[in-house]
PDB file of N, CA and C in Angstrom:
ATOM      1  N   UNK A   1     -54.722 -38.711  51.697  1.00  0.00           N
ATOM      2  CA  UNK A   1     -53.718 -37.314  51.131  1.00  0.00           C
ATOM      3  C   UNK A   1     -54.324 -37.442  49.849  1.00  0.00           C
ATOM      4  N   UNK A   2     -53.913 -36.041  49.334  1.00  0.00           N
ATOM      5  CA  UNK A   2     -54.395 -35.966  47.857  1.00  0.00           C
ATOM      6  C   UNK A   2     -53.489 -36.498  47.322  1.00  0.00           C
ATOM      7  N   UNK A   3     -53.952 -36.251  45.724  1.00  0.00           N
ATOM      8  CA  UNK A   3     -52.876 -36.995  44.555  1.00  0.00           C
ATOM      9  C   UNK A   3     -51.890 -35.809  44.462  1.00  0.00           C
ATOM     10  N   UNK A   4     -52.388 -34.232  44.919  1.00  0.00           N
ATOM     11  CA  UNK A   4     -51.185 -32.950  44.924  1.00  0.00           C
ATOM     12  C   UNK A   4     -50.047 -33.493  45.869  1.00  0.00           C
ATOM     13  N   UNK A   5     -50.307 -33.812  46.629  1.00  0.00           N
ATOM     14  CA  UNK A   5     -49.582 -34.142  48.189  1.00  0.00           C
ATOM     15  C   UNK A   5     -48.439 -35.314  47.713  1.00  0.00           C
ATOM     16  N   UNK A   6     -49.255 -36.568  47.270  1.00  0.00           N
ATOM     17  CA  UNK A   6     -48.531 -37.533  46.826  1.00  0.00           C
ATOM     18  C   UNK A   6     -47.512 -37.358  45.510  1.00  0.00           C
ATOM     19  N   UNK A   7     -47.751 -36.715  44.888  1.00  0.00           N
ATOM     20  CA  UNK A   7     -47.073 -36.324  43.661  1.00  0.00           C
ATOM     21  C   UNK A   7     -45.917 -35.329  44.455  1.00  0.00           C
ATOM     22  N   UNK A   8     -46.324 -34.405  44.949  1.00  0.00           N
ATOM     23  CA  UNK A   8     -44.967 -33.630  45.554  1.00  0.00           C
ATOM     24  C   UNK A   8     -44.236 -34.267  46.208  1.00  0.00           C
ATOM     25  N   UNK A   9     -44.770 -34.938  47.340  1.00  0.00           N
ATOM     26  CA  UNK A   9     -43.694 -36.124  48.112  1.00  0.00           C
ATOM     27  C   UNK A   9     -42.830 -36.843  47.294  1.00  0.00           C
ATOM     28  N   UNK A  10     -43.393 -37.568  46.189  1.00  0.00           N
ATOM     29  CA  UNK A  10     -42.427 -38.055  45.367  1.00  0.00           C
ATOM     30  C   UNK A  10     -41.223 -37.477  44.504  1.00  0.00           C
ATOM     31  N   UNK A  11     -41.780 -36.248  44.293  1.00  0.00           N
ATOM     32  CA  UNK A  11     -40.737 -35.516  43.372  1.00  0.00           C
ATOM     33  C   UNK A  11     -39.912 -35.184  44.410  1.00  0.00           C
ATOM     34  N   UNK A  12     -40.179 -34.897  45.220  1.00  0.00           N
ATOM     35  CA  UNK A  12     -39.183 -34.286  46.681  1.00  0.00           C
ATOM     36  C   UNK A  12     -38.066 -35.377  46.737  1.00  0.00           C
ATOM     37  N   UNK A  13     -38.740 -36.733  47.235  1.00  0.00           N
ATOM     38  CA  UNK A  13     -38.092 -38.167  47.447  1.00  0.00           C
ATOM     39  C   UNK A  13     -37.298 -37.998  46.722  1.00  0.00           C
ATOM     40  N   UNK A  14     -37.429 -38.120  44.927  1.00  0.00           N
ATOM     41  CA  UNK A  14     -36.707 -38.414  44.236  1.00  0.00           C
ATOM     42  C   UNK A  14     -35.354 -37.584  44.151  1.00  0.00           C
ATOM     43  N   UNK A  15     -35.765 -36.052  44.073  1.00  0.00           N
ATOM     44  CA  UNK A  15     -34.886 -34.889  43.945  1.00  0.00           C
ATOM     45  C   UNK A  15     -33.898 -35.110  45.052  1.00  0.00           C
ATOM     46  N   UNK A  16     -34.271 -35.521  46.322  1.00  0.00           N
ATOM     47  CA  UNK A  16     -33.336 -35.352  47.397  1.00  0.00           C
ATOM     48  C   UNK A  16     -32.345 -36.625  46.986  1.00  0.00           C
ATOM     49  N   UNK A  17     -33.172 -38.124  46.715  1.00  0.00           N
ATOM     50  CA  UNK A  17     -32.060 -38.905  46.384  1.00  0.00           C
ATOM     51  C   UNK A  17     -31.010 -38.554  45.191  1.00  0.00           C
ATOM     52  N   UNK A  18     -31.368 -38.059  44.400  1.00  0.00           N
ATOM     53  CA  UNK A  18     -30.564 -37.393  43.487  1.00  0.00           C
ATOM     54  C   UNK A  18     -29.555 -36.278  43.866  1.00  0.00           C
ATOM     55  N   UNK A  19     -29.608 -35.825  44.836  1.00  0.00           N
ATOM     56  CA  UNK A  19     -29.000 -35.007  45.110  1.00  0.00           C
ATOM     57  C   UNK A  19     -28.736 -33.356  44.406  1.00  0.00           C
ATOM     58  N   UNK A  20     -30.290 -33.178  44.150  1.00  0.00           N
ATOM     59  CA  UNK A  20     -30.674 -31.827  43.257  1.00  0.00           C
ATOM     60  C   UNK A  20     -31.050 -31.094  44.144  1.00  0.00           C
ATOM     61  N   UNK A  21     -30.873 -29.920  43.958  1.00  0.00           N
ATOM     62  CA  UNK A  21     -31.574 -28.678  44.611  1.00  0.00           C
ATOM     63  C   UNK A  21     -33.173 -28.282  43.791  1.00  0.00           C
ATOM     64  N   UNK A  22     -34.080 -27.890  44.654  1.00  0.00           N
ATOM     65  CA  UNK A  22     -35.604 -27.237  43.546  1.00  0.00           C
ATOM     66  C   UNK A  22     -34.979 -26.663  42.757  1.00  0.00           C
ATOM     67  N   UNK A  23     -33.733 -25.727  42.974  1.00  0.00           N
ATOM     68  CA  UNK A  23     -33.474 -24.596  41.564  1.00  0.00           C
ATOM     69  C   UNK A  23     -32.972 -25.572  40.715  1.00  0.00           C
ATOM     70  N   UNK A  24     -31.816 -26.669  40.655  1.00  0.00           N
ATOM     71  CA  UNK A  24     -31.555 -27.376  39.884  1.00  0.00           C
ATOM     72  C   UNK A  24     -32.809 -27.785  38.908  1.00  0.00           C
ATOM     73  N   UNK A  25     -33.606 -28.765  39.440  1.00  0.00           N
ATOM     74  CA  UNK A  25     -34.752 -29.444  39.068  1.00  0.00           C
ATOM     75  C   UNK A  25     -35.345 -28.503  38.205  1.00  0.00           C
ATOM     76  N   UNK A  26     -35.523 -26.850  38.921  1.00  0.00           N
ATOM     77  CA  UNK A  26     -36.571 -26.251  38.189  1.00  0.00           C
ATOM     78  C   UNK A  26     -36.143 -25.335  36.622  1.00  0.00           C
ATOM     79  N   UNK A  27     -34.483 -25.542  36.923  1.00  0.00           N
ATOM     80  CA  UNK A  27     -33.869 -25.206  35.748  1.00  0.00           C
ATOM     81  C   UNK A  27     -33.806 -26.006  34.697  1.00  0.00           C
ATOM     82  N   UNK A  28     -33.775 -27.213  34.708  1.00  0.00           N
ATOM     83  CA  UNK A  28     -33.792 -28.370  33.999  1.00  0.00           C
ATOM     84  C   UNK A  28     -35.080 -28.712  33.380  1.00  0.00           C
ATOM     85  N   UNK A  29     -36.132 -28.137  34.046  1.00  0.00           N
ATOM     86  CA  UNK A  29     -37.357 -28.502  33.866  1.00  0.00           C
ATOM     87  C   UNK A  29     -37.946 -27.164  33.129  1.00  0.00           C
ATOM     88  N   UNK A  30     -37.501 -26.188  32.583  1.00  0.00           N
ATOM     89  CA  UNK A  30     -37.768 -24.958  32.528  1.00  0.00           C
ATOM     90  C   UNK A  30     -38.766 -24.326  33.419  1.00  0.00           C
ATOM     91  N   UNK A  31     -38.920 -24.315  34.483  1.00  0.00           N
ATOM     92  CA  UNK A  31     -40.073 -24.171  35.052  1.00  0.00           C
ATOM     93  C   UNK A  31     -39.274 -23.272  36.494  1.00  0.00           C
ATOM     94  N   UNK A  32     -40.007 -22.397  37.113  1.00  0.00           N
ATOM     95  CA  UNK A  32     -39.860 -21.266  38.156  1.00  0.00           C
ATOM     96  C   UNK A  32     -39.571 -22.239  39.500  1.00  0.00           C
ATOM     97  N   UNK A  33     -38.277 -21.796  40.067  1.00  0.00           N
ATOM     98  CA  UNK A  33     -38.107 -22.251  41.487  1.00  0.00           C
ATOM     99  C   UNK A  33     -39.366 -22.285  42.321  1.00  0.00           C
ATOM    100  N   UNK A  34     -39.863 -21.473  42.498  1.00  0.00           N
ATOM    101  CA  UNK A  34     -40.764 -21.161  43.516  1.00  0.00           C
ATOM    102  C   UNK A  34     -42.056 -22.021  43.047  1.00  0.00           C
ATOM    103  N   UNK A  35     -42.352 -22.175  41.778  1.00  0.00           N
ATOM    104  CA  UNK A  35     -43.252 -23.219  41.324  1.00  0.00           C
ATOM    105  C   UNK A  35     -43.009 -24.665  41.731  1.00  0.00           C
ATOM    106  N   UNK A  36     -41.964 -25.347  41.575  1.00  0.00           N
ATOM    107  CA  UNK A  36     -41.026 -26.319  42.285  1.00  0.00           C
ATOM    108  C   UNK A  36     -41.622 -26.552  43.560  1.00  0.00           C
ATOM    109  N   UNK A  37     -41.263 -25.418  44.868  1.00  0.00           N
ATOM    110  CA  UNK A  37     -41.477 -25.422  46.166  1.00  0.00           C
ATOM    111  C   UNK A  37     -42.872 -25.748  45.981  1.00  0.00           C
ATOM    112  N   UNK A  38     -43.672 -24.964  45.155  1.00  0.00           N
ATOM    113  CA  UNK A  38     -45.529 -25.038  45.530  1.00  0.00           C
ATOM    114  C   UNK A  38     -45.866 -26.714  45.114  1.00  0.00           C
ATOM    115  N   UNK A  39     -45.233 -26.654  44.358  1.00  0.00           N
ATOM    116  CA  UNK A  39     -45.545 -28.506  43.811  1.00  0.00           C
ATOM    117  C   UNK A  39     -45.141 -29.227  44.731  1.00  0.00           C
ATOM    118  N   UNK A  40     -43.764 -29.291  45.388  1.00  0.00           N
ATOM    119  CA  UNK A  40     -43.528 -30.411  46.156  1.00  0.00           C
ATOM    120  C   UNK A  40     -44.271 -30.158  47.721  1.00  0.00           C
ATOM    121  N   UNK A  41     -44.580 -28.867  47.901  1.00  0.00           N
ATOM    122  CA  UNK A  41     -45.337 -28.650  49.148  1.00  0.00           C
ATOM    123  C   UNK A  41     -47.188 -29.122  48.985  1.00  0.00           C
ATOM    124  N   UNK A  42     -47.691 -29.697  48.048  1.00  0.00           N
ATOM    125  CA  UNK A  42     -48.710 -29.971  47.351  1.00  0.00           C
ATOM    126  C   UNK A  42     -49.811 -28.857  47.329  1.00  0.00           C
ATOM    127  N   UNK A  43     -49.342 -27.366  46.868  1.00  0.00           N
ATOM    128  CA  UNK A  43     -49.834 -26.190  47.044  1.00  0.00           C
ATOM    129  C   UNK A  43     -50.200 -26.034  45.615  1.00  0.00           C
ATOM    130  N   UNK A  44     -50.073 -26.702  44.757  1.00  0.00           N
ATOM    131  CA  UNK A  44     -50.023 -26.467  43.040  1.00  0.00           C
ATOM    132  C   UNK A  44     -50.800 -27.511  42.653  1.00  0.00           C
ATOM    133  N   UNK A  45     -51.775 -27.205  41.687  1.00  0.00           N
ATOM    134  CA  UNK A  45     -52.496 -28.579  41.033  1.00  0.00           C
ATOM    135  C   UNK A  45     -51.740 -28.240  39.696  1.00  0.00           C
ATOM    136  N   UNK A  46     -50.683 -29.099  39.322  1.00  0.00           N
ATOM    137  CA  UNK A  46     -49.677 -29.311  38.252  1.00  0.00           C
ATOM    138  C   UNK A  46     -50.453 -29.949  37.237  1.00  0.00           C
ATOM    139  N   UNK A  47     -49.929 -29.168  35.950  1.00  0.00           N
ATOM    140  CA  UNK A  47     -50.527 -29.928  34.543  1.00  0.00           C
ATOM    141  C   UNK A  47     -49.751 -30.981  34.368  1.00  0.00           C
ATOM    142  N   UNK A  48     -50.219 -31.795  33.546  1.00  0.00           N
ATOM    143  CA  UNK A  48     -49.783 -32.925  32.937  1.00  0.00           C
ATOM    144  C   UNK A  48     -48.209 -32.524  32.458  1.00  0.00           C
ATOM    145  N   UNK A  49     -48.397 -31.059  31.263  1.00  0.00           N
ATOM    146  CA  UNK A  49     -47.036 -30.999  30.716  1.00  0.00           C
ATOM    147  C   UNK A  49     -46.061 -30.392  31.715  1.00  0.00           C
ATOM    148  N   UNK A  50     -46.237 -29.833  32.858  1.00  0.00           N
ATOM    149  CA  UNK A  50     -45.362 -29.163  33.932  1.00  0.00           C
ATOM    150  C   UNK A  50     -44.938 -30.608  34.503  1.00  0.00           C
ATOM    151  N   UNK A  51     -45.709 -31.764  34.590  1.00  0.00           N
ATOM    152  CA  UNK A  51     -45.345 -32.771  35.420  1.00  0.00           C
ATOM    153  C   UNK A  51     -44.205 -33.929  34.584  1.00  0.00           C
ATOM    154  N   UNK A  52     -44.435 -33.380  33.244  1.00  0.00           N
ATOM    155  CA  UNK A  52     -43.786 -34.774  32.299  1.00  0.00           C
ATOM    156  C   UNK A  52     -42.072 -33.768  32.233  1.00  0.00           C
ATOM    157  N   UNK A  53     -42.325 -32.220  32.349  1.00  0.00           N
ATOM    158  CA  UNK A  53     -41.009 -31.562  32.387  1.00  0.00           C
ATOM    159  C   UNK A  53     -40.174 -31.771  33.566  1.00  0.00           C
ATOM    160  N   UNK A  54     -40.929 -31.972  34.872  1.00  0.00           N
ATOM    161  CA  UNK A  54     -39.982 -32.613  36.103  1.00  0.00           C
ATOM    162  C   UNK A  54     -39.507 -33.721  35.751  1.00  0.00           C
ATOM    163  N   UNK A  55     -40.583 -34.681  35.658  1.00  0.00           N
ATOM    164  CA  UNK A  55     -40.165 -36.091  35.553  1.00  0.00           C
ATOM    165  C   UNK A  55     -38.958 -36.307  34.910  1.00  0.00           C
ATOM    166  N   UNK A  56     -39.452 -36.081  33.248  1.00  0.00           N
ATOM    167  CA  UNK A  56     -38.190 -36.285  32.375  1.00  0.00           C
ATOM    168  C   UNK A  56     -37.003 -35.727  32.115  1.00  0.00           C
ATOM    169  N   UNK A  57     -37.346 -34.172  32.639  1.00  0.00           N
ATOM    170  CA  UNK A  57     -36.135 -33.409  32.497  1.00  0.00           C
ATOM    171  C   UNK A  57     -35.269 -33.026  33.131  1.00  0.00           C
ATOM    172  N   UNK A  58     -36.307 -32.785  34.732  1.00  0.00           N
ATOM    173  CA  UNK A  58     -35.567 -32.279  35.740  1.00  0.00           C
ATOM    174  C   UNK A  58     -34.918 -33.153  36.414  1.00  0.00           C
ATOM    175  N   UNK A  59     -35.780 -34.647  36.807  1.00  0.00           N
ATOM    176  CA  UNK A  59     -35.135 -35.722  37.322  1.00  0.00           C
ATOM    177  C   UNK A  59     -34.801 -36.480  36.619  1.00  0.00           C
ATOM    178  N   UNK A  60     -34.831 -36.537  35.462  1.00  0.00           N
ATOM    179  CA  UNK A  60     -34.471 -37.670  34.132  1.00  0.00           C
ATOM    180  C   UNK A  60     -34.530 -39.001  34.582  1.00  0.00           C
ATOM    181  N   UNK A  61     -36.047 -39.209  34.826  1.00  0.00           N
ATOM    182  CA  UNK A  61     -36.415 -40.403  34.778  1.00  0.00           C
ATOM    183  C   UNK A  61     -37.616 -40.670  34.183  1.00  0.00           C
ATOM    184  N   UNK A  62     -38.008 -42.141  33.838  1.00  0.00           N
ATOM    185  CA  UNK A  62     -39.355 -42.121  33.395  1.00  0.00           C
ATOM    186  C   UNK A  62     -40.556 -42.045  33.997  1.00  0.00           C
ATOM    187  N   UNK A  63     -41.703 -42.019  33.342  1.00  0.00           N
ATOM    188  CA  UNK A  63     -42.909 -42.023  34.227  1.00  0.00           C
ATOM    189  C   UNK A  63     -43.008 -43.125  34.674  1.00  0.00           C
ATOM    190  N   UNK A  64     -42.664 -44.261  34.487  1.00  0.00           N
ATOM    191  CA  UNK A  64     -43.023 -45.642  35.157  1.00  0.00           C
ATOM    192  C   UNK A  64     -42.025 -45.746  36.333  1.00  0.00           C
ATOM    193  N   UNK A  65     -40.814 -45.028  36.572  1.00  0.00           N
ATOM    194  CA  UNK A  65     -40.002 -45.430  37.358  1.00  0.00           C
ATOM    195  C   UNK A  65     -40.751 -43.984  38.668  1.00  0.00           C
ATOM    196  N   UNK A  66     -41.089 -43.244  38.132  1.00  0.00           N
ATOM    197  CA  UNK A  66     -42.024 -42.258  39.265  1.00  0.00           C
ATOM    198  C   UNK A  66     -42.924 -42.712  39.874  1.00  0.00           C
ATOM    199  N   UNK A  67     -43.931 -43.212  39.072  1.00  0.00           N
ATOM    200  CA  UNK A  67     -45.339 -43.988  39.706  1.00  0.00           C
ATOM    201  C   UNK A  67     -44.919 -45.282  40.347  1.00  0.00           C
ATOM    202  N   UNK A  68     -43.513 -45.816  40.271  1.00  0.00           N
ATOM    203  CA  UNK A  68     -43.453 -47.075  40.833  1.00  0.00           C
ATOM    204  C   UNK A  68     -42.851 -46.979  42.451  1.00  0.00           C
ATOM    205  N   UNK A  69     -43.951 -47.092  43.115  1.00  0.00           N
ATOM    206  CA  UNK A  69     -44.149 -46.652  44.490  1.00  0.00           C
ATOM    207  C   UNK A  69     -45.389 -46.551  45.219  1.00  0.00           C
ATOM    208  N   UNK A  70     -45.180 -47.190  46.545  1.00  0.00           N
ATOM    209  CA  UNK A  70     -46.371 -47.910  47.203  1.00  0.00           C
ATOM    210  C   UNK A  70     -47.554 -46.789  47.012  1.00  0.00           C
ATOM    211  N   UNK A  71     -47.107 -45.404  46.996  1.00  0.00           N
ATOM    212  CA  UNK A  71     -48.201 -44.270  47.110  1.00  0.00           C
ATOM    213  C   UNK A  71     -49.221 -44.298  46.101  1.00  0.00           C
ATOM    214  N   UNK A  72     -48.586 -44.635  44.689  1.00  0.00           N
ATOM    215  CA  UNK A  72     -49.467 -44.830  43.951  1.00  0.00           C
ATOM    216  C   UNK A  72     -50.154 -45.933  43.378  1.00  0.00           C
ATOM    217  N   UNK A  73     -49.892 -46.866  44.219  1.00  0.00           N
ATOM    218  CA  UNK A  73     -50.239 -48.229  43.897  1.00  0.00           C
ATOM    219  C   UNK A  73     -51.871 -48.769  43.997  1.00  0.00           C
TER     220      UNK A  73
END
């Protein structure tokens, strides 16, 4: 599995756990909803700046919490 797929799956997993829509996370992150869809489905090579927006603003968690999963071990 590519790193893009792993990141997308983790974003989707956390978004669903928090009961958020793609649109809500995109709005909080100041990104487009269609961009969020592409990221979650591993079709977009996301920049570190966009990843920071999604993790910190959109999901409102830390980087360590985001990467604290077996997928990134």
